[in-house]
Amino acid sequence: MGVFKTIGDHANNATHIAERYLKTTHQYYKLKFFKEIAFAVSMVSKVLLIGACIAIALIFAAVSGALFLGQLFNNLALGYVTMAGIFVLLAWLIYSNRHLVNTYVLKKMSANFFSDDDSDF
């Protein structure tokens, strides 16, 4: 009977170790998920804040540029139309080269999300 008791004790011990392993692994993946979500939320927040500041600056620059061009052409409406044309040209350039932007963003984001650097945990 001693052999069966030893085998039973080892089985119980293995079960206990397996349960601890599963709990620890579950906690690890919860923490890793939290890290990835926190990184994504902070990235989106930074992009929105910086984008808002750049948008406000761009609005002021566009109005002042249109006023300057209006004075240069002695026609305020022509200055605004010229500035609108510049924005349309800029939008067309960005649209025609959108694959470059997609490639750049994918490379940068994949480096962060698929890194094997789990030294934080």
PDB file of N, CA and C in Angstrom:
ATOM      1  N   MET A   1       0.802  -1.188   0.000  1.00  0.00           N
ATOM      2  CA  MET A   1       0.000   0.000   0.000  1.00  0.00           C
ATOM      3  C   MET A   1       0.852   1.261   0.000  1.00  0.00           C
ATOM      4  N   GLY A   2       2.085   1.164   0.443  1.00  0.00           N
ATOM      5  CA  GLY A   2       2.954   2.332   0.494  1.00  0.00           C
ATOM      6  C   GLY A   2       3.245   2.896  -0.883  1.00  0.00           C
ATOM      7  N   VAL A   3       3.329   2.004  -1.885  1.00  0.00           N
ATOM      8  CA  VAL A   3       3.618   2.443  -3.256  1.00  0.00           C
ATOM      9  C   VAL A   3       2.434   3.250  -3.795  1.00  0.00           C
ATOM     10  N   PHE A   4       1.224   2.737  -3.521  1.00  0.00           N
ATOM     11  CA  PHE A   4       0.044   3.426  -4.026  1.00  0.00           C
ATOM     12  C   PHE A   4      -0.143   4.778  -3.338  1.00  0.00           C
ATOM     13  N   LYS A   5       0.197   4.848  -2.058  1.00  0.00           N
ATOM     14  CA  LYS A   5       0.100   6.116  -1.332  1.00  0.00           C
ATOM     15  C   LYS A   5       1.104   7.121  -1.885  1.00  0.00           C
ATOM     16  N   THR A   6       2.311   6.674  -2.196  1.00  0.00           N
ATOM     17  CA  THR A   6       3.331   7.547  -2.764  1.00  0.00           C
ATOM     18  C   THR A   6       2.909   8.046  -4.143  1.00  0.00           C
ATOM     19  N   ILE A   7       2.365   7.150  -4.953  1.00  0.00           N
ATOM     20  CA  ILE A   7       1.893   7.548  -6.282  1.00  0.00           C
ATOM     21  C   ILE A   7       0.750   8.552  -6.142  1.00  0.00           C
ATOM     22  N   GLY A   8      -0.157   8.314  -5.211  1.00  0.00           N
ATOM     23  CA  GLY A   8      -1.271   9.244  -4.964  1.00  0.00           C
ATOM     24  C   GLY A   8      -0.765  10.599  -4.499  1.00  0.00           C
ATOM     25  N   ASP A   9       0.244  10.599  -3.609  1.00  0.00           N
ATOM     26  CA  ASP A   9       0.817  11.862  -3.140  1.00  0.00           C
ATOM     27  C   ASP A   9       1.480  12.621  -4.292  1.00  0.00           C
ATOM     28  N   HIS A  10       2.202  11.900  -5.143  1.00  0.00           N
ATOM     29  CA  HIS A  10       2.842  12.538  -6.290  1.00  0.00           C
ATOM     30  C   HIS A  10       1.800  13.080  -7.271  1.00  0.00           C
ATOM     31  N   ALA A  11       0.720  12.354  -7.457  1.00  0.00           N
ATOM     32  CA  ALA A  11      -0.351  12.804  -8.348  1.00  0.00           C
ATOM     33  C   ALA A  11      -1.002  14.074  -7.792  1.00  0.00           C
ATOM     34  N   ASN A  12      -1.235  14.077  -6.470  1.00  0.00           N
ATOM     35  CA  ASN A  12      -1.810  15.277  -5.842  1.00  0.00           C
ATOM     36  C   ASN A  12      -0.856  16.461  -5.954  1.00  0.00           C
ATOM     37  N   ASN A  13       0.419  16.180  -5.744  1.00  0.00           N
ATOM     38  CA  ASN A  13       1.427  17.234  -5.847  1.00  0.00           C
ATOM     39  C   ASN A  13       1.497  17.760  -7.287  1.00  0.00           C
ATOM     40  N   ALA A  14       1.457  16.879  -8.269  1.00  0.00           N
ATOM     41  CA  ALA A  14       1.487  17.295  -9.680  1.00  0.00           C
ATOM     42  C   ALA A  14       0.247  18.109 -10.021  1.00  0.00           C
ATOM     43  N   THR A  15      -0.895  17.699  -9.478  1.00  0.00           N
ATOM     44  CA  THR A  15      -2.129  18.451  -9.709  1.00  0.00           C
ATOM     45  C   THR A  15      -2.027  19.843  -9.114  1.00  0.00           C
ATOM     46  N   HIS A  16      -1.479  19.929  -7.913  1.00  0.00           N
ATOM     47  CA  HIS A  16      -1.310  21.226  -7.263  1.00  0.00           C
ATOM     48  C   HIS A  16      -0.357  22.123  -8.066  1.00  0.00           C
ATOM     49  N   ILE A  17       0.737  21.558  -8.540  1.00  0.00           N
ATOM     50  CA  ILE A  17       1.700  22.320  -9.345  1.00  0.00           C
ATOM     51  C   ILE A  17       1.061  22.771 -10.653  1.00  0.00           C
ATOM     52  N   ALA A  18       0.280  21.909 -11.278  1.00  0.00           N
ATOM     53  CA  ALA A  18      -0.387  22.267 -12.534  1.00  0.00           C
ATOM     54  C   ALA A  18      -1.394  23.383 -12.309  1.00  0.00           C
ATOM     55  N   GLU A  19      -2.141  23.334 -11.201  1.00  0.00           N
ATOM     56  CA  GLU A  19      -3.098  24.398 -10.896  1.00  0.00           C
ATOM     57  C   GLU A  19      -2.385  25.726 -10.670  1.00  0.00           C
ATOM     58  N   ARG A  20      -1.277  25.699  -9.940  1.00  0.00           N
ATOM     59  CA  ARG A  20      -0.497  26.932  -9.727  1.00  0.00           C
ATOM     60  C   ARG A  20       0.023  27.468 -11.043  1.00  0.00           C
ATOM     61  N   TYR A  21       0.502  26.565 -11.900  1.00  0.00           N
ATOM     62  CA  TYR A  21       1.004  26.975 -13.210  1.00  0.00           C
ATOM     63  C   TYR A  21      -0.093  27.637 -14.025  1.00  0.00           C
ATOM     64  N   LEU A  22      -1.267  27.050 -14.040  1.00  0.00           N
ATOM     65  CA  LEU A  22      -2.377  27.621 -14.808  1.00  0.00           C
ATOM     66  C   LEU A  22      -2.793  28.979 -14.260  1.00  0.00           C
ATOM     67  N   LYS A  23      -2.851  29.122 -12.945  1.00  0.00           N
ATOM     68  CA  LYS A  23      -3.202  30.413 -12.340  1.00  0.00           C
ATOM     69  C   LYS A  23      -2.145  31.472 -12.666  1.00  0.00           C
ATOM     70  N   THR A  24      -0.888  31.088 -12.567  1.00  0.00           N
ATOM     71  CA  THR A  24       0.193  32.027 -12.858  1.00  0.00           C
ATOM     72  C   THR A  24       0.189  32.427 -14.326  1.00  0.00           C
ATOM     73  N   THR A  25      -0.037  31.456 -15.199  1.00  0.00           N
ATOM     74  CA  THR A  25      -0.093  31.750 -16.636  1.00  0.00           C
ATOM     75  C   THR A  25      -1.276  32.658 -16.947  1.00  0.00           C
ATOM     76  N   HIS A  26      -2.409  32.406 -16.319  1.00  0.00           N
ATOM     77  CA  HIS A  26      -3.580  33.254 -16.515  1.00  0.00           C
ATOM     78  C   HIS A  26      -3.294  34.684 -16.059  1.00  0.00           C
ATOM     79  N   GLN A  27      -2.668  34.835 -14.903  1.00  0.00           N
ATOM     80  CA  GLN A  27      -2.317  36.166 -14.413  1.00  0.00           C
ATOM     81  C   GLN A  27      -1.329  36.848 -15.348  1.00  0.00           C
ATOM     82  N   TYR A  28      -0.379  36.086 -15.857  1.00  0.00           N
ATOM     83  CA  TYR A  28       0.603  36.652 -16.784  1.00  0.00           C
ATOM     84  C   TYR A  28      -0.076  37.201 -18.030  1.00  0.00           C
ATOM     85  N   TYR A  29      -0.974  36.422 -18.605  1.00  0.00           N
ATOM     86  CA  TYR A  29      -1.631  36.875 -19.835  1.00  0.00           C
ATOM     87  C   TYR A  29      -2.590  38.027 -19.571  1.00  0.00           C
ATOM     88  N   LYS A  30      -3.201  38.056 -18.390  1.00  0.00           N
ATOM     89  CA  LYS A  30      -4.023  39.214 -18.044  1.00  0.00           C
ATOM     90  C   LYS A  30      -3.154  40.465 -17.959  1.00  0.00           C
ATOM     91  N   LEU A  31      -1.996  40.333 -17.342  1.00  0.00           N
ATOM     92  CA  LEU A  31      -1.092  41.468 -17.214  1.00  0.00           C
ATOM     93  C   LEU A  31      -0.536  41.891 -18.573  1.00  0.00           C
ATOM     94  N   LYS A  32      -0.216  40.935 -19.414  1.00  0.00           N
ATOM     95  CA  LYS A  32       0.280  41.244 -20.761  1.00  0.00           C
ATOM     96  C   LYS A  32      -0.798  41.937 -21.582  1.00  0.00           C
ATOM     97  N   PHE A  33      -2.040  41.454 -21.477  1.00  0.00           N
ATOM     98  CA  PHE A  33      -3.160  42.092 -22.172  1.00  0.00           C
ATOM     99  C   PHE A  33      -3.340  43.523 -21.679  1.00  0.00           C
ATOM    100  N   PHE A  34      -3.260  43.720 -20.355  1.00  0.00           N
ATOM    101  CA  PHE A  34      -3.373  45.065 -19.808  1.00  0.00           C
ATOM    102  C   PHE A  34      -2.269  45.967 -20.336  1.00  0.00           C
ATOM    103  N   LYS A  35      -1.054  45.447 -20.423  1.00  0.00           N
ATOM    104  CA  LYS A  35       0.068  46.230 -20.927  1.00  0.00           C
ATOM    105  C   LYS A  35      -0.190  46.653 -22.369  1.00  0.00           C
ATOM    106  N   GLU A  36      -0.669  45.738 -23.199  1.00  0.00           N
ATOM    107  CA  GLU A  36      -0.919  46.057 -24.609  1.00  0.00           C
ATOM    108  C   GLU A  36      -2.057  47.064 -24.746  1.00  0.00           C
ATOM    109  N   ILE A  37      -3.109  46.900 -23.974  1.00  0.00           N
ATOM    110  CA  ILE A  37      -4.231  47.835 -24.024  1.00  0.00           C
ATOM    111  C   ILE A  37      -3.794  49.209 -23.525  1.00  0.00           C
ATOM    112  N   ALA A  38      -3.037  49.253 -22.449  1.00  0.00           N
ATOM    113  CA  ALA A  38      -2.563  50.532 -21.922  1.00  0.00           C
ATOM    114  C   ALA A  38      -1.662  51.228 -22.939  1.00  0.00           C
ATOM    115  N   PHE A  39      -0.817  50.461 -23.601  1.00  0.00           N
ATOM    116  CA  PHE A  39       0.047  51.041 -24.627  1.00  0.00           C
ATOM    117  C   PHE A  39      -0.781  51.615 -25.770  1.00  0.00           C
ATOM    118  N   ALA A  40      -1.787  50.870 -26.209  1.00  0.00           N
ATOM    119  CA  ALA A  40      -2.625  51.335 -27.314  1.00  0.00           C
ATOM    120  C   ALA A  40      -3.411  52.579 -26.925  1.00  0.00           C
ATOM    121  N   VAL A  41      -3.969  52.597 -25.735  1.00  0.00           N
ATOM    122  CA  VAL A  41      -4.740  53.763 -25.288  1.00  0.00           C
ATOM    123  C   VAL A  41      -3.835  54.979 -25.145  1.00  0.00           C
ATOM    124  N   SER A  42      -2.647  54.798 -24.594  1.00  0.00           N
ATOM    125  CA  SER A  42      -1.739  55.934 -24.457  1.00  0.00           C
ATOM    126  C   SER A  42      -1.280  56.433 -25.822  1.00  0.00           C
ATOM    127  N   MET A  43      -1.072  55.520 -26.773  1.00  0.00           N
ATOM    128  CA  MET A  43      -0.668  55.921 -28.113  1.00  0.00           C
ATOM    129  C   MET A  43      -1.782  56.722 -28.789  1.00  0.00           C
ATOM    130  N   VAL A  44      -3.010  56.241 -28.675  1.00  0.00           N
ATOM    131  CA  VAL A  44      -4.143  56.954 -29.283  1.00  0.00           C
ATOM    132  C   VAL A  44      -4.317  58.312 -28.619  1.00  0.00           C
ATOM    133  N   SER A  45      -4.170  58.371 -27.309  1.00  0.00           N
ATOM    134  CA  SER A  45      -4.301  59.647 -26.593  1.00  0.00           C
ATOM    135  C   SER A  45      -3.245  60.645 -27.052  1.00  0.00           C
ATOM    136  N   LYS A  46      -2.017  60.179 -27.167  1.00  0.00           N
ATOM    137  CA  LYS A  46      -0.948  61.078 -27.618  1.00  0.00           C
ATOM    138  C   LYS A  46      -1.203  61.567 -29.035  1.00  0.00           C
ATOM    139  N   VAL A  47      -1.632  60.654 -29.899  1.00  0.00           N
ATOM    140  CA  VAL A  47      -1.895  61.039 -31.288  1.00  0.00           C
ATOM    141  C   VAL A  47      -3.022  62.065 -31.351  1.00  0.00           C
ATOM    142  N   LEU A  48      -4.078  61.859 -30.563  1.00  0.00           N
ATOM    143  CA  LEU A  48      -5.190  62.803 -30.568  1.00  0.00           C
ATOM    144  C   LEU A  48      -4.794  64.169 -30.026  1.00  0.00           C
ATOM    145  N   LEU A  49      -4.043  64.184 -28.939  1.00  0.00           N
ATOM    146  CA  LEU A  49      -3.623  65.466 -28.371  1.00  0.00           C
ATOM    147  C   LEU A  49      -2.673  66.217 -29.300  1.00  0.00           C
ATOM    148  N   ILE A  50      -1.683  65.517 -29.801  1.00  0.00           N
ATOM    149  CA  ILE A  50      -0.731  66.167 -30.709  1.00  0.00           C
ATOM    150  C   ILE A  50      -1.427  66.554 -32.002  1.00  0.00           C
ATOM    151  N   GLY A  51      -2.312  65.703 -32.497  1.00  0.00           N
ATOM    152  CA  GLY A  51      -3.054  66.005 -33.719  1.00  0.00           C
ATOM    153  C   GLY A  51      -3.941  67.223 -33.556  1.00  0.00           C
ATOM    154  N   ALA A  52      -4.579  67.362 -32.394  1.00  0.00           N
ATOM    155  CA  ALA A  52      -5.419  68.533 -32.146  1.00  0.00           C
ATOM    156  C   ALA A  52      -4.592  69.813 -32.136  1.00  0.00           C
ATOM    157  N   CYS A  53      -3.435  69.768 -31.505  1.00  0.00           N
ATOM    158  CA  CYS A  53      -2.561  70.948 -31.481  1.00  0.00           C
ATOM    159  C   CYS A  53      -2.069  71.292 -32.884  1.00  0.00           C
ATOM    160  N   ILE A  54      -1.693  70.285 -33.635  1.00  0.00           N
ATOM    161  CA  ILE A  54      -1.228  70.534 -35.010  1.00  0.00           C
ATOM    162  C   ILE A  54      -2.373  71.058 -35.870  1.00  0.00           C
ATOM    163  N   ALA A  55      -3.590  70.552 -35.661  1.00  0.00           N
ATOM    164  CA  ALA A  55      -4.737  71.017 -36.443  1.00  0.00           C
ATOM    165  C   ALA A  55      -5.025  72.490 -36.165  1.00  0.00           C
ATOM    166  N   ILE A  56      -4.965  72.880 -34.899  1.00  0.00           N
ATOM    167  CA  ILE A  56      -5.185  74.283 -34.554  1.00  0.00           C
ATOM    168  C   ILE A  56      -4.102  75.155 -35.170  1.00  0.00           C
ATOM    169  N   ALA A  57      -2.857  74.699 -35.084  1.00  0.00           N
ATOM    170  CA  ALA A  57      -1.758  75.463 -35.687  1.00  0.00           C
ATOM    171  C   ALA A  57      -1.925  75.553 -37.199  1.00  0.00           C
ATOM    172  N   LEU A  58      -2.372  74.474 -37.817  1.00  0.00           N
ATOM    173  CA  LEU A  58      -2.576  74.462 -39.266  1.00  0.00           C
ATOM    174  C   LEU A  58      -3.700  75.408 -39.677  1.00  0.00           C
ATOM    175  N   ILE A  59      -4.747  75.480 -38.869  1.00  0.00           N
ATOM    176  CA  ILE A  59      -5.836  76.421 -39.167  1.00  0.00           C
ATOM    177  C   ILE A  59      -5.324  77.857 -39.132  1.00  0.00           C
ATOM    178  N   PHE A  60      -4.581  78.202 -38.081  1.00  0.00           N
ATOM    179  CA  PHE A  60      -4.041  79.557 -37.997  1.00  0.00           C
ATOM    180  C   PHE A  60      -3.058  79.843 -39.129  1.00  0.00           C
ATOM    181  N   ALA A  61      -2.232  78.865 -39.455  1.00  0.00           N
ATOM    182  CA  ALA A  61      -1.276  79.052 -40.554  1.00  0.00           C
ATOM    183  C   ALA A  61      -2.002  79.217 -41.885  1.00  0.00           C
ATOM    184  N   ALA A  62      -3.071  78.467 -42.095  1.00  0.00           N
ATOM    185  CA  ALA A  62      -3.815  78.562 -43.344  1.00  0.00           C
ATOM    186  C   ALA A  62      -4.495  79.920 -43.472  1.00  0.00           C
ATOM    187  N   VAL A  63      -5.093  80.408 -42.401  1.00  0.00           N
ATOM    188  CA  VAL A  63      -5.752  81.722 -42.451  1.00  0.00           C
ATOM    189  C   VAL A  63      -4.723  82.823 -42.681  1.00  0.00           C
ATOM    190  N   SER A  64      -3.608  82.756 -41.953  1.00  0.00           N
ATOM    191  CA  SER A  64      -2.585  83.794 -42.147  1.00  0.00           C
ATOM    192  C   SER A  64      -1.957  83.691 -43.529  1.00  0.00           C
ATOM    193  N   GLY A  65      -1.761  82.489 -44.040  1.00  0.00           N
ATOM    194  CA  GLY A  65      -1.239  82.325 -45.394  1.00  0.00           C
ATOM    195  C   GLY A  65      -2.205  82.851 -46.442  1.00  0.00           C
ATOM    196  N   ALA A  66      -3.493  82.598 -46.220  1.00  0.00           N
ATOM    197  CA  ALA A  66      -4.497  83.103 -47.159  1.00  0.00           C
ATOM    198  C   ALA A  66      -4.548  84.625 -47.129  1.00  0.00           C
ATOM    199  N   LEU A  67      -4.450  85.200 -45.935  1.00  0.00           N
ATOM    200  CA  LEU A  67      -4.422  86.667 -45.843  1.00  0.00           C
ATOM    201  C   LEU A  67      -3.186  87.240 -46.529  1.00  0.00           C
ATOM    202  N   PHE A  68      -2.044  86.589 -46.320  1.00  0.00           N
ATOM    203  CA  PHE A  68      -0.814  87.052 -46.963  1.00  0.00           C
ATOM    204  C   PHE A  68      -0.928  86.969 -48.488  1.00  0.00           C
ATOM    205  N   LEU A  69      -1.428  85.836 -48.986  1.00  0.00           N
ATOM    206  CA  LEU A  69      -1.587  85.694 -50.434  1.00  0.00           C
ATOM    207  C   LEU A  69      -2.616  86.680 -50.972  1.00  0.00           C
ATOM    208  N   GLY A  70      -3.666  86.949 -50.196  1.00  0.00           N
ATOM    209  CA  GLY A  70      -4.667  87.938 -50.607  1.00  0.00           C
ATOM    210  C   GLY A  70      -4.070  89.317 -50.739  1.00  0.00           C
ATOM    211  N   GLN A  71      -3.203  89.680 -49.810  1.00  0.00           N
ATOM    212  CA  GLN A  71      -2.526  90.976 -49.912  1.00  0.00           C
ATOM    213  C   GLN A  71      -1.536  90.988 -51.071  1.00  0.00           C
ATOM    214  N   LEU A  72      -0.875  89.861 -51.273  1.00  0.00           N
ATOM    215  CA  LEU A  72       0.091  89.762 -52.369  1.00  0.00           C
ATOM    216  C   LEU A  72      -0.593  89.897 -53.724  1.00  0.00           C
ATOM    217  N   PHE A  73      -1.768  89.292 -53.870  1.00  0.00           N
ATOM    218  CA  PHE A  73      -2.519  89.333 -55.134  1.00  0.00           C
ATOM    219  C   PHE A  73      -3.469  90.527 -55.210  1.00  0.00           C
ATOM    220  N   ASN A  74      -3.543  91.332 -54.135  1.00  0.00           N
ATOM    221  CA  ASN A  74      -4.491  92.441 -54.033  1.00  0.00           C
ATOM    222  C   ASN A  74      -5.927  91.961 -54.203  1.00  0.00           C
ATOM    223  N   ASN A  75      -6.202  90.723 -53.797  1.00  0.00           N
ATOM    224  CA  ASN A  75      -7.540  90.156 -53.878  1.00  0.00           C
ATOM    225  C   ASN A  75      -7.626  89.080 -52.796  1.00  0.00           C
ATOM    226  N   LEU A  76      -8.393  89.394 -51.754  1.00  0.00           N
ATOM    227  CA  LEU A  76      -8.478  88.485 -50.616  1.00  0.00           C
ATOM    228  C   LEU A  76      -9.093  87.142 -51.000  1.00  0.00           C
ATOM    229  N   ALA A  77     -10.094  87.149 -51.849  1.00  0.00           N
ATOM    230  CA  ALA A  77     -10.740  85.904 -52.275  1.00  0.00           C
ATOM    231  C   ALA A  77      -9.760  85.020 -53.033  1.00  0.00           C
ATOM    232  N   LEU A  78      -8.917  85.611 -53.861  1.00  0.00           N
ATOM    233  CA  LEU A  78      -7.924  84.835 -54.603  1.00  0.00           C
ATOM    234  C   LEU A  78      -6.902  84.205 -53.657  1.00  0.00           C
ATOM    235  N   GLY A  79      -6.593  84.883 -52.563  1.00  0.00           N
ATOM    236  CA  GLY A  79      -5.686  84.316 -51.559  1.00  0.00           C
ATOM    237  C   GLY A  79      -6.275  83.082 -50.910  1.00  0.00           C
ATOM    238  N   TYR A  80      -7.589  83.148 -50.576  1.00  0.00           N
ATOM    239  CA  TYR A  80      -8.242  81.987 -49.981  1.00  0.00           C
ATOM    240  C   TYR A  80      -8.361  80.834 -50.969  1.00  0.00           C
ATOM    241  N   VAL A  81      -8.665  81.143 -52.224  1.00  0.00           N
ATOM    242  CA  VAL A  81      -8.771  80.104 -53.237  1.00  0.00           C
ATOM    243  C   VAL A  81      -7.409  79.448 -53.477  1.00  0.00           C
ATOM    244  N   THR A  82      -6.360  80.236 -53.490  1.00  0.00           N
ATOM    245  CA  THR A  82      -5.013  79.695 -53.671  1.00  0.00           C
ATOM    246  C   THR A  82      -4.643  78.776 -52.502  1.00  0.00           C
ATOM    247  N   MET A  83      -4.971  79.208 -51.294  1.00  0.00           N
ATOM    248  CA  MET A  83      -4.674  78.375 -50.128  1.00  0.00           C
ATOM    249  C   MET A  83      -5.485  77.079 -50.184  1.00  0.00           C
ATOM    250  N   ALA A  84      -6.729  77.142 -50.614  1.00  0.00           N
ATOM    251  CA  ALA A  84      -7.536  75.931 -50.767  1.00  0.00           C
ATOM    252  C   ALA A  84      -6.923  75.016 -51.816  1.00  0.00           C
ATOM    253  N   GLY A  85      -6.430  75.580 -52.900  1.00  0.00           N
ATOM    254  CA  GLY A  85      -5.762  74.789 -53.931  1.00  0.00           C
ATOM    255  C   GLY A  85      -4.517  74.103 -53.391  1.00  0.00           C
ATOM    256  N   ILE A  86      -3.778  74.793 -52.543  1.00  0.00           N
ATOM    257  CA  ILE A  86      -2.582  74.195 -51.931  1.00  0.00           C
ATOM    258  C   ILE A  86      -2.978  72.989 -51.074  1.00  0.00           C
ATOM    259  N   PHE A  87      -4.072  73.121 -50.305  1.00  0.00           N
ATOM    260  CA  PHE A  87      -4.529  72.008 -49.479  1.00  0.00           C
ATOM    261  C   PHE A  87      -5.036  70.844 -50.324  1.00  0.00           C
ATOM    262  N   VAL A  88      -5.717  71.160 -51.426  1.00  0.00           N
ATOM    263  CA  VAL A  88      -6.190  70.090 -52.312  1.00  0.00           C
ATOM    264  C   VAL A  88      -5.000  69.367 -52.931  1.00  0.00           C
ATOM    265  N   LEU A  89      -3.983  70.101 -53.341  1.00  0.00           N
ATOM    266  CA  LEU A  89      -2.774  69.499 -53.896  1.00  0.00           C
ATOM    267  C   LEU A  89      -2.066  68.634 -52.852  1.00  0.00           C
ATOM    268  N   LEU A  90      -1.986  69.136 -51.635  1.00  0.00           N
ATOM    269  CA  LEU A  90      -1.360  68.372 -50.552  1.00  0.00           C
ATOM    270  C   LEU A  90      -2.144  67.091 -50.265  1.00  0.00           C
ATOM    271  N   ALA A  91      -3.473  67.183 -50.243  1.00  0.00           N
ATOM    272  CA  ALA A  91      -4.311  66.001 -50.009  1.00  0.00           C
ATOM    273  C   ALA A  91      -4.137  64.991 -51.137  1.00  0.00           C
ATOM    274  N   TRP A  92      -4.045  65.455 -52.361  1.00  0.00           N
ATOM    275  CA  TRP A  92      -3.855  64.547 -53.498  1.00  0.00           C
ATOM    276  C   TRP A  92      -2.503  63.832 -53.399  1.00  0.00           C
ATOM    277  N   LEU A  93      -1.453  64.574 -52.990  1.00  0.00           N
ATOM    278  CA  LEU A  93      -0.132  63.956 -52.837  1.00  0.00           C
ATOM    279  C   LEU A  93      -0.146  62.884 -51.746  1.00  0.00           C
ATOM    280  N   ILE A  94      -0.788  63.182 -50.645  1.00  0.00           N
ATOM    281  CA  ILE A  94      -0.862  62.207 -49.560  1.00  0.00           C
ATOM    282  C   ILE A  94      -1.677  60.996 -50.002  1.00  0.00           C
ATOM    283  N   TYR A  95      -2.784  61.232 -50.684  1.00  0.00           N
ATOM    284  CA  TYR A  95      -3.624  60.123 -51.135  1.00  0.00           C
ATOM    285  C   TYR A  95      -2.886  59.245 -52.141  1.00  0.00           C
ATOM    286  N   SER A  96      -2.150  59.867 -53.043  1.00  0.00           N
ATOM    287  CA  SER A  96      -1.457  59.073 -54.054  1.00  0.00           C
ATOM    288  C   SER A  96      -0.280  58.287 -53.475  1.00  0.00           C
ATOM    289  N   ASN A  97       0.219  58.693 -52.323  1.00  0.00           N
ATOM    290  CA  ASN A  97       1.324  57.985 -51.663  1.00  0.00           C
ATOM    291  C   ASN A  97       0.877  57.323 -50.369  1.00  0.00           C
ATOM    292  N   ARG A  98      -0.397  56.963 -50.267  1.00  0.00           N
ATOM    293  CA  ARG A  98      -0.926  56.382 -49.031  1.00  0.00           C
ATOM    294  C   ARG A  98      -0.308  55.032 -48.719  1.00  0.00           C
ATOM    295  N   HIS A  99       0.129  54.298 -49.718  1.00  0.00           N
ATOM    296  CA  HIS A  99       0.755  52.997 -49.453  1.00  0.00           C
ATOM    297  C   HIS A  99       2.056  53.158 -48.673  1.00  0.00           C
ATOM    298  N   LEU A 100       2.760  54.261 -48.885  1.00  0.00           N
ATOM    299  CA  LEU A 100       3.979  54.516 -48.114  1.00  0.00           C
ATOM    300  C   LEU A 100       3.651  54.760 -46.646  1.00  0.00           C
ATOM    301  N   VAL A 101       2.568  55.490 -46.412  1.00  0.00           N
ATOM    302  CA  VAL A 101       2.149  55.754 -45.037  1.00  0.00           C
ATOM    303  C   VAL A 101       1.714  54.452 -44.375  1.00  0.00           C
ATOM    304  N   ASN A 102       0.943  53.630 -45.086  1.00  0.00           N
ATOM    305  CA  ASN A 102       0.498  52.346 -44.532  1.00  0.00           C
ATOM    306  C   ASN A 102       1.683  51.452 -44.181  1.00  0.00           C
ATOM    307  N   THR A 103       2.650  51.375 -45.066  1.00  0.00           N
ATOM    308  CA  THR A 103       3.827  50.542 -44.827  1.00  0.00           C
ATOM    309  C   THR A 103       4.600  51.031 -43.608  1.00  0.00           C
ATOM    310  N   TYR A 104       4.790  52.335 -43.495  1.00  0.00           N
ATOM    311  CA  TYR A 104       5.523  52.902 -42.369  1.00  0.00           C
ATOM    312  C   TYR A 104       4.817  52.609 -41.046  1.00  0.00           C
ATOM    313  N   VAL A 105       3.509  52.826 -41.021  1.00  0.00           N
ATOM    314  CA  VAL A 105       2.752  52.602 -39.789  1.00  0.00           C
ATOM    315  C   VAL A 105       2.766  51.121 -39.411  1.00  0.00           C
ATOM    316  N   LEU A 106       2.584  50.242 -40.372  1.00  0.00           N
ATOM    317  CA  LEU A 106       2.595  48.804 -40.077  1.00  0.00           C
ATOM    318  C   LEU A 106       3.947  48.349 -39.537  1.00  0.00           C
ATOM    319  N   LYS A 107       5.027  48.843 -40.108  1.00  0.00           N
ATOM    320  CA  LYS A 107       6.356  48.465 -39.621  1.00  0.00           C
ATOM    321  C   LYS A 107       6.578  48.943 -38.192  1.00  0.00           C
ATOM    322  N   LYS A 108       6.189  50.182 -37.906  1.00  0.00           N
ATOM    323  CA  LYS A 108       6.387  50.725 -36.564  1.00  0.00           C
ATOM    324  C   LYS A 108       5.536  50.000 -35.525  1.00  0.00           C
ATOM    325  N   MET A 109       4.280  49.753 -35.859  1.00  0.00           N
ATOM    326  CA  MET A 109       3.390  49.105 -34.906  1.00  0.00           C
ATOM    327  C   MET A 109       3.730  47.631 -34.712  1.00  0.00           C
ATOM    328  N   SER A 110       4.140  46.958 -35.771  1.00  0.00           N
ATOM    329  CA  SER A 110       4.479  45.543 -35.627  1.00  0.00           C
ATOM    330  C   SER A 110       5.729  45.366 -34.771  1.00  0.00           C
ATOM    331  N   ALA A 111       6.633  46.304 -34.826  1.00  0.00           N
ATOM    332  CA  ALA A 111       7.827  46.210 -33.983  1.00  0.00           C
ATOM    333  C   ALA A 111       7.450  46.271 -32.507  1.00  0.00           C
ATOM    334  N   ASN A 112       6.436  47.056 -32.172  1.00  0.00           N
ATOM    335  CA  ASN A 112       6.018  47.171 -30.776  1.00  0.00           C
ATOM    336  C   ASN A 112       5.174  45.991 -30.326  1.00  0.00           C
ATOM    337  N   PHE A 113       4.237  45.550 -31.146  1.00  0.00           N
ATOM    338  CA  PHE A 113       3.301  44.529 -30.712  1.00  0.00           C
ATOM    339  C   PHE A 113       3.846  43.118 -30.809  1.00  0.00           C
ATOM    340  N   PHE A 114       4.785  42.871 -31.712  1.00  0.00           N
ATOM    341  CA  PHE A 114       5.285  41.512 -31.886  1.00  0.00           C
ATOM    342  C   PHE A 114       6.690  41.329 -31.337  1.00  0.00           C
ATOM    343  N   SER A 115       7.107  42.234 -30.450  1.00  0.00           N
ATOM    344  CA  SER A 115       8.429  42.083 -29.860  1.00  0.00           C
ATOM    345  C   SER A 115       8.365  40.991 -28.799  1.00  0.00           C
ATOM    346  N   ASP A 116       9.466  40.313 -28.623  1.00  0.00           N
ATOM    347  CA  ASP A 116       9.554  39.248 -27.627  1.00  0.00           C
ATOM    348  C   ASP A 116      10.112  39.761 -26.308  1.00  0.00           C
ATOM    349  N   ASP A 117      10.115  41.072 -26.137  1.00  0.00           N
ATOM    350  CA  ASP A 117      10.664  41.667 -24.934  1.00  0.00           C
ATOM    351  C   ASP A 117       9.618  41.630 -23.837  1.00  0.00           C
ATOM    352  N   ASP A 118       9.607  40.550 -23.084  1.00  0.00           N
ATOM    353  CA  ASP A 118       8.682  40.403 -21.972  1.00  0.00           C
ATOM    354  C   ASP A 118       9.432  40.531 -20.647  1.00  0.00           C
ATOM    355  N   SER A 119      10.502  41.305 -20.647  1.00  0.00           N
ATOM    356  CA  SER A 119      11.296  41.433 -19.440  1.00  0.00           C
ATOM    357  C   SER A 119      10.600  42.228 -18.356  1.00  0.00           C
ATOM    358  N   ASP A 120       9.487  42.917 -18.704  1.00  0.00           N
ATOM    359  CA  ASP A 120       8.761  43.700 -17.708  1.00  0.00           C
ATOM    360  C   ASP A 120       8.009  42.805 -16.737  1.00  0.00           C
ATOM    361  N   PHE A 121       7.793  41.546 -17.101  1.00  0.00           N
ATOM    362  CA  PHE A 121       6.958  40.671 -16.291  1.00  0.00           C
ATOM    363  C   PHE A 121       7.796  39.653 -15.590  1.00  0.00           C
TER     364      PHE A 121
END
